[in-house]
Amino acid sequence: MPKVSSVVVPYAAYLRVYEPLAAFPEPERGHWARYARRTDLPTYQDELRRSLADLLPTPPVPVPVHESGDAFVLETDGVVRVCPWRTRLRGWQALDDLAGELPAVVLDAALPPVVRRQAAQDYERWLARNPDARPWIRTAAWQVPLTWFVLVSDAEREYVKGSGRSGDGTPPVLRYRTEMVQARRRVARSLRTLKETLDEGPLIDGLVDVGRWLEEFHPRSLVELDYGGLVHALPAGELEGDHSAADVAEGIQALRQGDGAAAGEAYGRLVERWRAVRDRRSAN
């Protein structure tokens, strides 16, 4: 596979679900079983570089012509789990989101209207044939949504310092992995607290949405929250000391106990920690 660039694609975080092979019907199960035995499994950066390759032609190709047959693979406690890329489906969904994130003039320059219209028509036809389709991967640019932190605990945090942030160095890694049953339990418990203590709003709506998405998967799945390219948007010292999941859990616990002051302090730490990322996004 030709490399588009040696530069890590910034700045996005990922929420992934790895399902056990038993969750897939045949013949797809057989495909993933054979795939998991490969010795040349692609990495997260391979997926990103392939996505970039489609944006280089003129006009760009915002959605792959064919669905990817690749996946991320994990084996834990003797259980093989896979997270299909489904880059075509995710490409269509990302296009829907772009209209609300970019000014019209910027969006038209990056992806001409005729390209977007064709992609939208293709998606509509595809969705009519696949009404129950859902991605195994969610992406968030320039942030980790607070609702994602609800799914995990600080005890599940994995931090690898790495040997460098760019070029040939190994970038740092910050991620959480948890069992699906734990993630669903945390969503349900947190939703009860938020609905009892806060007015309806984006936080509750976002958590409801994530909870419904998780219900689509096998109960023995594994959920992964990966900082991905955001590790390059946070200063090294701040990244190592980032315990945002703990702050979110502390804030929700404080709300549960009726301690508004403690909840405000936890939220303040989150705002301060992510201010550098917001400033960098504005600069870009």
Foldseek 3Di string as FASTA:
>chain_A
DDFPDQWFDDDKWKKFKWAFLVQDDPPLSVLVVVVQPDPCADDPRVVVRVCVVQQPDVNGQLADPDFDPHWDWDADPNTITTFGQRRRVVSLVVLVVVVVVDPPVVCCVSHNPVNNVVSPVVVVVVCVVVVPDDHRMDMDHLDDDLLVLLQFALVQWDWDLWQDPTDPTGHIWIKGKDQLVSSLVSLVVLLVLCVVQHDDDDNNVVSVVVNVVSVVGDRRMMIMIISRRNSNQAPSVLVVVDRLSNLSVQLSVCSSVVNNVSNVVSVVVVCVSSVSSVVVVVVD
